[in-house]
Amino acid sequence: MIAKITSVVPARLRPIIAHPAIGTRSIAAPTPDRIDLAQTRLWIRDGRKIEIDYLDQHGANTVRMIWPIILGFLDDTRMLAAWCELRQDFRHFRADRIMAARFVDERYDSRPGTLRQRWKRDMEKRRNLEGKS
C-alpha cells in the first residue's frame, strides 16, 4: 500500500511517507462480549434489572444484580455502567468479563433518565475528587 502511495507522491514528499514523524498504536481485535448488547440496550431503555455472573480483575467470580445505565465503547472493550445492588453504588463492568447474564423481567425503582442523571453527577463528583488528590 505504501509503495502505491509513494509512486504518485512528488519525490520531495516521499521521505515523509516512508519515515513519518507520527504514528498510531495498533488496536487489537476486541474481546468477544458475553452479554447480548442489543438486549442490554433494550433493558437500559425499559429500566429493567440484569443479573450477571462477573469475573473481576482478580479472577474472582461474583453474582450481581445490576440496574444498567449506559454502554460505553472503548478501544478494545465495551463497558456497562450500572447501579450495583450488592455494592449499593455505581459500578462499571467490562462486557468481556460478564460470564453470563439473565435479563430479569423486573423494573428497578427509578426512571432510566433519573438514574442516568444520578450516575452523571456521581461521575462528576469522582472526577472532582480525583483532581484534588
N, C-alpha and C. Protein backbone atom coordinates (compact mmCIF):
# COMPACT_ATOMS: atom_id res chain seq x y z
N MET A 1 0.83 -1.19 0.00
CA MET A 1 0.00 0.00 0.00
C MET A 1 0.88 1.26 0.00
N ILE A 2 1.91 1.30 0.83
CA ILE A 2 2.81 2.46 0.89
C ILE A 2 3.48 2.65 -0.46
N ALA A 3 3.88 1.57 -1.13
CA ALA A 3 4.53 1.66 -2.44
C ALA A 3 3.62 2.35 -3.44
N LYS A 4 2.33 2.05 -3.41
CA LYS A 4 1.39 2.68 -4.32
C LYS A 4 1.30 4.19 -4.06
N ILE A 5 1.27 4.53 -2.77
CA ILE A 5 1.16 5.95 -2.41
C ILE A 5 2.42 6.70 -2.82
N THR A 6 3.60 6.15 -2.49
CA THR A 6 4.84 6.85 -2.82
C THR A 6 5.05 6.97 -4.32
N SER A 7 4.46 6.08 -5.10
CA SER A 7 4.64 6.15 -6.56
C SER A 7 3.94 7.36 -7.17
N VAL A 8 2.94 7.90 -6.51
CA VAL A 8 2.21 9.04 -7.07
C VAL A 8 2.49 10.35 -6.34
N VAL A 9 3.25 10.29 -5.27
CA VAL A 9 3.59 11.48 -4.49
C VAL A 9 4.86 12.10 -5.06
N PRO A 10 4.94 13.42 -5.10
CA PRO A 10 6.18 14.06 -5.57
C PRO A 10 7.40 13.58 -4.76
N ALA A 11 8.54 13.52 -5.42
CA ALA A 11 9.77 12.99 -4.81
C ALA A 11 10.11 13.70 -3.50
N ARG A 12 9.87 15.00 -3.40
CA ARG A 12 10.22 15.74 -2.19
C ARG A 12 9.38 15.32 -0.98
N LEU A 13 8.20 14.71 -1.19
CA LEU A 13 7.34 14.29 -0.09
C LEU A 13 7.50 12.81 0.27
N ARG A 14 8.21 12.05 -0.54
CA ARG A 14 8.36 10.62 -0.29
C ARG A 14 9.01 10.30 1.06
N PRO A 15 10.03 11.04 1.49
CA PRO A 15 10.61 10.74 2.82
C PRO A 15 9.60 10.89 3.96
N ILE A 16 8.65 11.78 3.82
CA ILE A 16 7.63 11.97 4.86
C ILE A 16 6.75 10.73 4.96
N ILE A 17 6.45 10.14 3.82
CA ILE A 17 5.62 8.93 3.81
C ILE A 17 6.43 7.73 4.31
N ALA A 18 7.66 7.62 3.85
CA ALA A 18 8.48 6.46 4.21
C ALA A 18 8.89 6.48 5.68
N HIS A 19 9.07 7.67 6.25
CA HIS A 19 9.53 7.81 7.63
C HIS A 19 8.68 8.86 8.35
N PRO A 20 7.43 8.51 8.65
CA PRO A 20 6.53 9.51 9.26
C PRO A 20 7.00 9.88 10.68
N ALA A 21 6.67 11.11 11.06
CA ALA A 21 7.02 11.60 12.40
C ALA A 21 5.96 11.25 13.43
N ILE A 22 4.85 10.73 12.98
CA ILE A 22 3.78 10.36 13.90
C ILE A 22 3.35 8.92 13.62
N GLY A 23 2.63 8.38 14.54
CA GLY A 23 2.13 7.02 14.35
C GLY A 23 0.97 6.76 15.28
N THR A 24 0.37 5.64 15.11
CA THR A 24 -0.72 5.22 15.99
C THR A 24 -0.42 3.82 16.49
N ARG A 25 -0.96 3.52 17.62
CA ARG A 25 -0.79 2.16 18.11
C ARG A 25 -1.80 1.27 17.42
N SER A 26 -1.41 0.05 17.21
CA SER A 26 -2.35 -0.87 16.58
C SER A 26 -3.37 -1.31 17.62
N ILE A 27 -4.58 -1.45 17.18
CA ILE A 27 -5.67 -1.84 18.07
C ILE A 27 -5.96 -3.32 17.84
N ALA A 28 -5.88 -4.06 18.92
CA ALA A 28 -6.18 -5.49 18.84
C ALA A 28 -7.67 -5.68 18.59
N ALA A 29 -8.00 -6.82 18.05
CA ALA A 29 -9.41 -7.14 17.85
C ALA A 29 -10.10 -7.16 19.21
N PRO A 30 -11.30 -6.61 19.29
CA PRO A 30 -12.00 -6.59 20.57
C PRO A 30 -12.24 -8.00 21.11
N THR A 31 -12.18 -8.11 22.42
CA THR A 31 -12.51 -9.37 23.08
C THR A 31 -14.01 -9.59 22.93
N PRO A 32 -14.43 -10.79 22.59
CA PRO A 32 -15.87 -11.03 22.42
C PRO A 32 -16.66 -10.76 23.70
N ASP A 33 -17.81 -10.15 23.53
CA ASP A 33 -18.69 -9.88 24.67
C ASP A 33 -19.45 -11.16 25.00
N ARG A 34 -19.77 -11.30 26.27
CA ARG A 34 -20.55 -12.46 26.69
C ARG A 34 -21.94 -12.04 27.15
N ILE A 35 -22.33 -10.87 26.72
CA ILE A 35 -23.67 -10.38 27.02
C ILE A 35 -24.26 -9.84 25.72
N ASP A 36 -25.52 -10.06 25.53
CA ASP A 36 -26.21 -9.59 24.34
C ASP A 36 -26.39 -8.07 24.46
N LEU A 37 -25.60 -7.32 23.68
CA LEU A 37 -25.62 -5.86 23.79
C LEU A 37 -26.93 -5.26 23.30
N ALA A 38 -27.55 -5.86 22.30
CA ALA A 38 -28.84 -5.36 21.80
C ALA A 38 -29.90 -5.50 22.89
N GLN A 39 -29.95 -6.64 23.54
CA GLN A 39 -30.93 -6.83 24.62
C GLN A 39 -30.58 -5.93 25.81
N THR A 40 -29.30 -5.73 26.07
CA THR A 40 -28.89 -4.83 27.15
C THR A 40 -29.40 -3.42 26.89
N ARG A 41 -29.28 -2.95 25.65
CA ARG A 41 -29.80 -1.61 25.32
C ARG A 41 -31.30 -1.53 25.56
N LEU A 42 -32.03 -2.58 25.21
CA LEU A 42 -33.48 -2.60 25.48
C LEU A 42 -33.75 -2.50 26.98
N TRP A 43 -33.01 -3.25 27.78
CA TRP A 43 -33.21 -3.25 29.23
C TRP A 43 -32.83 -1.89 29.82
N ILE A 44 -31.83 -1.23 29.25
CA ILE A 44 -31.48 0.13 29.70
C ILE A 44 -32.66 1.06 29.46
N ARG A 45 -33.21 1.03 28.26
CA ARG A 45 -34.34 1.91 27.92
C ARG A 45 -35.58 1.61 28.76
N ASP A 46 -35.81 0.31 29.06
CA ASP A 46 -37.00 -0.09 29.81
C ASP A 46 -36.83 0.01 31.32
N GLY A 47 -35.59 0.25 31.80
CA GLY A 47 -35.36 0.33 33.24
C GLY A 47 -35.52 -1.01 33.94
N ARG A 48 -34.99 -2.05 33.32
CA ARG A 48 -35.10 -3.41 33.88
C ARG A 48 -33.75 -3.89 34.41
N LYS A 49 -33.81 -4.80 35.36
CA LYS A 49 -32.62 -5.34 36.01
C LYS A 49 -31.99 -6.47 35.19
N ILE A 50 -30.68 -6.63 35.39
CA ILE A 50 -29.95 -7.74 34.79
C ILE A 50 -29.12 -8.38 35.91
N GLU A 51 -29.21 -9.70 36.00
CA GLU A 51 -28.35 -10.41 36.94
C GLU A 51 -27.15 -10.95 36.15
N ILE A 52 -25.95 -10.63 36.60
CA ILE A 52 -24.76 -11.06 35.88
C ILE A 52 -23.84 -11.90 36.75
N ASP A 53 -23.18 -12.84 36.11
CA ASP A 53 -22.05 -13.54 36.71
C ASP A 53 -20.84 -12.80 36.17
N TYR A 54 -20.06 -12.21 37.08
CA TYR A 54 -18.98 -11.31 36.66
C TYR A 54 -17.64 -11.80 37.18
N LEU A 55 -16.66 -11.77 36.32
CA LEU A 55 -15.30 -12.15 36.66
C LEU A 55 -14.52 -10.85 36.89
N ASP A 56 -14.14 -10.59 38.16
CA ASP A 56 -13.46 -9.32 38.44
C ASP A 56 -12.00 -9.35 37.99
N GLN A 57 -11.30 -8.24 38.20
CA GLN A 57 -9.92 -8.10 37.73
C GLN A 57 -8.96 -9.09 38.38
N HIS A 58 -9.36 -9.66 39.52
CA HIS A 58 -8.52 -10.64 40.21
C HIS A 58 -8.90 -12.07 39.87
N GLY A 59 -9.91 -12.24 39.01
CA GLY A 59 -10.34 -13.56 38.60
C GLY A 59 -11.42 -14.18 39.47
N ALA A 60 -11.92 -13.41 40.43
CA ALA A 60 -12.98 -13.92 41.31
C ALA A 60 -14.33 -13.76 40.61
N ASN A 61 -15.17 -14.77 40.72
CA ASN A 61 -16.50 -14.74 40.12
C ASN A 61 -17.51 -14.26 41.15
N THR A 62 -18.31 -13.27 40.79
CA THR A 62 -19.36 -12.78 41.67
C THR A 62 -20.67 -12.71 40.90
N VAL A 63 -21.75 -12.78 41.63
CA VAL A 63 -23.08 -12.62 41.03
C VAL A 63 -23.59 -11.27 41.47
N ARG A 64 -24.03 -10.47 40.52
CA ARG A 64 -24.51 -9.12 40.81
C ARG A 64 -25.87 -8.89 40.16
N MET A 65 -26.74 -8.21 40.89
CA MET A 65 -27.98 -7.71 40.31
C MET A 65 -27.70 -6.24 40.02
N ILE A 66 -27.82 -5.87 38.75
CA ILE A 66 -27.48 -4.51 38.36
C ILE A 66 -28.66 -3.81 37.68
N TRP A 67 -28.60 -2.49 37.75
CA TRP A 67 -29.54 -1.64 37.04
C TRP A 67 -28.74 -0.97 35.93
N PRO A 68 -28.81 -1.46 34.71
CA PRO A 68 -27.95 -0.94 33.64
C PRO A 68 -28.31 0.51 33.28
N ILE A 69 -27.26 1.30 33.05
CA ILE A 69 -27.45 2.73 32.77
C ILE A 69 -27.05 3.09 31.35
N ILE A 70 -25.83 2.70 30.97
CA ILE A 70 -25.31 3.10 29.67
C ILE A 70 -24.19 2.15 29.25
N LEU A 71 -24.08 1.93 27.94
CA LEU A 71 -22.97 1.17 27.39
C LEU A 71 -21.93 2.15 26.87
N GLY A 72 -20.67 1.88 27.17
CA GLY A 72 -19.58 2.69 26.66
C GLY A 72 -18.66 1.83 25.81
N PHE A 73 -18.13 2.42 24.76
CA PHE A 73 -17.26 1.69 23.86
C PHE A 73 -15.86 2.27 23.94
N LEU A 74 -14.89 1.46 24.36
CA LEU A 74 -13.50 1.84 24.44
C LEU A 74 -12.77 1.22 23.25
N ASP A 75 -11.45 1.40 23.19
CA ASP A 75 -10.69 0.86 22.06
C ASP A 75 -10.93 -0.63 21.84
N ASP A 76 -10.80 -1.41 22.88
CA ASP A 76 -10.84 -2.85 22.70
C ASP A 76 -11.84 -3.58 23.59
N THR A 77 -12.72 -2.84 24.23
CA THR A 77 -13.73 -3.48 25.08
C THR A 77 -14.93 -2.56 25.23
N ARG A 78 -16.00 -3.13 25.67
CA ARG A 78 -17.20 -2.36 25.99
C ARG A 78 -17.37 -2.35 27.50
N MET A 79 -17.90 -1.24 28.01
CA MET A 79 -18.15 -1.10 29.44
C MET A 79 -19.65 -0.90 29.65
N LEU A 80 -20.15 -1.47 30.71
CA LEU A 80 -21.54 -1.31 31.09
C LEU A 80 -21.57 -0.60 32.43
N ALA A 81 -22.05 0.63 32.45
CA ALA A 81 -22.21 1.37 33.70
C ALA A 81 -23.56 0.96 34.28
N ALA A 82 -23.57 0.73 35.61
CA ALA A 82 -24.79 0.25 36.24
C ALA A 82 -24.78 0.58 37.73
N TRP A 83 -25.96 0.58 38.32
CA TRP A 83 -26.10 0.61 39.76
C TRP A 83 -26.01 -0.85 40.21
N CYS A 84 -25.15 -1.12 41.18
CA CYS A 84 -24.96 -2.48 41.66
C CYS A 84 -25.67 -2.63 43.00
N GLU A 85 -26.65 -3.53 43.07
CA GLU A 85 -27.38 -3.74 44.32
C GLU A 85 -26.47 -4.27 45.42
N LEU A 86 -25.50 -5.12 45.07
CA LEU A 86 -24.59 -5.67 46.08
C LEU A 86 -23.76 -4.58 46.74
N ARG A 87 -23.18 -3.70 45.96
CA ARG A 87 -22.30 -2.63 46.48
C ARG A 87 -23.05 -1.36 46.85
N GLN A 88 -24.32 -1.29 46.45
CA GLN A 88 -25.12 -0.08 46.69
C GLN A 88 -24.38 1.17 46.19
N ASP A 89 -23.88 1.04 44.96
CA ASP A 89 -23.09 2.12 44.36
C ASP A 89 -23.04 1.90 42.85
N PHE A 90 -22.62 2.93 42.15
CA PHE A 90 -22.42 2.81 40.71
C PHE A 90 -21.14 2.04 40.45
N ARG A 91 -21.19 1.16 39.47
CA ARG A 91 -20.03 0.36 39.09
C ARG A 91 -19.97 0.29 37.57
N HIS A 92 -18.78 -0.02 37.07
CA HIS A 92 -18.56 -0.20 35.64
C HIS A 92 -18.08 -1.62 35.42
N PHE A 93 -18.75 -2.33 34.53
CA PHE A 93 -18.46 -3.72 34.27
C PHE A 93 -17.99 -3.88 32.84
N ARG A 94 -16.86 -4.55 32.66
CA ARG A 94 -16.37 -4.85 31.32
C ARG A 94 -17.25 -5.94 30.72
N ALA A 95 -17.75 -5.70 29.52
CA ALA A 95 -18.66 -6.66 28.89
C ALA A 95 -17.98 -8.01 28.63
N ASP A 96 -16.67 -8.00 28.41
CA ASP A 96 -15.98 -9.26 28.16
C ASP A 96 -15.74 -10.06 29.44
N ARG A 97 -15.99 -9.48 30.60
CA ARG A 97 -15.85 -10.20 31.87
C ARG A 97 -17.19 -10.67 32.43
N ILE A 98 -18.26 -10.34 31.73
CA ILE A 98 -19.57 -10.84 32.13
C ILE A 98 -19.68 -12.25 31.59
N MET A 99 -19.67 -13.21 32.49
CA MET A 99 -19.65 -14.61 32.09
C MET A 99 -21.03 -15.12 31.68
N ALA A 100 -22.07 -14.56 32.29
CA ALA A 100 -23.44 -14.94 31.96
C ALA A 100 -24.34 -13.79 32.37
N ALA A 101 -25.46 -13.65 31.69
CA ALA A 101 -26.42 -12.60 32.01
C ALA A 101 -27.83 -13.16 31.95
N ARG A 102 -28.62 -12.80 32.95
CA ARG A 102 -30.03 -13.17 32.97
C ARG A 102 -30.83 -11.87 32.97
N PHE A 103 -31.59 -11.67 31.92
CA PHE A 103 -32.36 -10.44 31.76
C PHE A 103 -33.67 -10.60 32.53
N VAL A 104 -33.72 -9.96 33.67
CA VAL A 104 -34.82 -10.12 34.62
C VAL A 104 -35.99 -9.25 34.20
N ASP A 105 -37.18 -9.79 34.27
CA ASP A 105 -38.38 -9.02 33.92
C ASP A 105 -38.87 -8.27 35.15
N GLU A 106 -37.99 -7.44 35.69
CA GLU A 106 -38.30 -6.65 36.88
C GLU A 106 -37.72 -5.25 36.70
N ARG A 107 -38.56 -4.26 36.88
CA ARG A 107 -38.09 -2.88 36.76
C ARG A 107 -37.47 -2.43 38.07
N TYR A 108 -36.46 -1.56 37.95
CA TYR A 108 -35.90 -1.00 39.17
C TYR A 108 -36.71 0.21 39.58
N ASP A 109 -36.46 0.72 40.78
CA ASP A 109 -37.35 1.71 41.38
C ASP A 109 -37.05 3.17 40.99
N SER A 110 -36.47 3.36 39.84
CA SER A 110 -36.14 4.70 39.37
C SER A 110 -36.40 4.76 37.87
N ARG A 111 -36.67 5.95 37.36
CA ARG A 111 -36.79 6.09 35.90
C ARG A 111 -35.39 6.04 35.29
N PRO A 112 -35.23 5.45 34.10
CA PRO A 112 -33.90 5.35 33.49
C PRO A 112 -33.19 6.70 33.36
N GLY A 113 -33.91 7.73 32.96
CA GLY A 113 -33.29 9.06 32.83
C GLY A 113 -32.83 9.63 34.16
N THR A 114 -33.61 9.38 35.20
CA THR A 114 -33.25 9.85 36.54
C THR A 114 -32.01 9.12 37.04
N LEU A 115 -31.96 7.81 36.83
CA LEU A 115 -30.78 7.03 37.23
C LEU A 115 -29.54 7.49 36.46
N ARG A 116 -29.69 7.76 35.18
CA ARG A 116 -28.57 8.24 34.37
C ARG A 116 -28.06 9.58 34.89
N GLN A 117 -28.96 10.47 35.29
CA GLN A 117 -28.54 11.77 35.84
C GLN A 117 -27.80 11.58 37.16
N ARG A 118 -28.27 10.67 38.00
CA ARG A 118 -27.57 10.37 39.26
C ARG A 118 -26.17 9.86 38.98
N TRP A 119 -26.04 8.97 37.98
CA TRP A 119 -24.74 8.42 37.60
C TRP A 119 -23.81 9.53 37.10
N LYS A 120 -24.33 10.43 36.25
CA LYS A 120 -23.52 11.53 35.73
C LYS A 120 -23.02 12.43 36.86
N ARG A 121 -23.90 12.73 37.82
CA ARG A 121 -23.47 13.55 38.98
C ARG A 121 -22.40 12.83 39.79
N ASP A 122 -22.57 11.53 39.97
CA ASP A 122 -21.60 10.74 40.72
C ASP A 122 -20.24 10.73 39.99
N MET A 123 -20.27 10.55 38.68
CA MET A 123 -19.02 10.56 37.90
C MET A 123 -18.32 11.91 38.01
N GLU A 124 -19.08 12.99 37.94
CA GLU A 124 -18.50 14.33 38.04
C GLU A 124 -17.89 14.54 39.43
N LYS A 125 -18.59 14.09 40.44
CA LYS A 125 -18.07 14.21 41.82
C LYS A 125 -16.76 13.43 41.97
N ARG A 126 -16.71 12.23 41.42
CA ARG A 126 -15.48 11.43 41.48
C ARG A 126 -14.34 12.10 40.75
N ARG A 127 -14.63 12.67 39.57
CA ARG A 127 -13.57 13.37 38.82
C ARG A 127 -13.05 14.55 39.61
N ASN A 128 -13.95 15.28 40.25
CA ASN A 128 -13.51 16.43 41.05
C ASN A 128 -12.65 15.99 42.22
N LEU A 129 -13.01 14.89 42.88
CA LEU A 129 -12.22 14.38 43.99
C LEU A 129 -10.85 13.92 43.53
N GLU A 130 -10.79 13.26 42.37
CA GLU A 130 -9.51 12.80 41.82
C GLU A 130 -8.62 13.99 41.46
N GLY A 131 -9.24 15.05 40.97
CA GLY A 131 -8.48 16.25 40.59
C GLY A 131 -7.86 16.95 41.78
N LYS A 132 -8.47 16.79 42.95
CA LYS A 132 -7.96 17.44 44.17
C LYS A 132 -6.87 16.62 44.84
N SER A 133 -6.72 15.36 44.44
CA SER A 133 -5.73 14.47 45.08
C SER A 133 -4.34 14.80 44.62
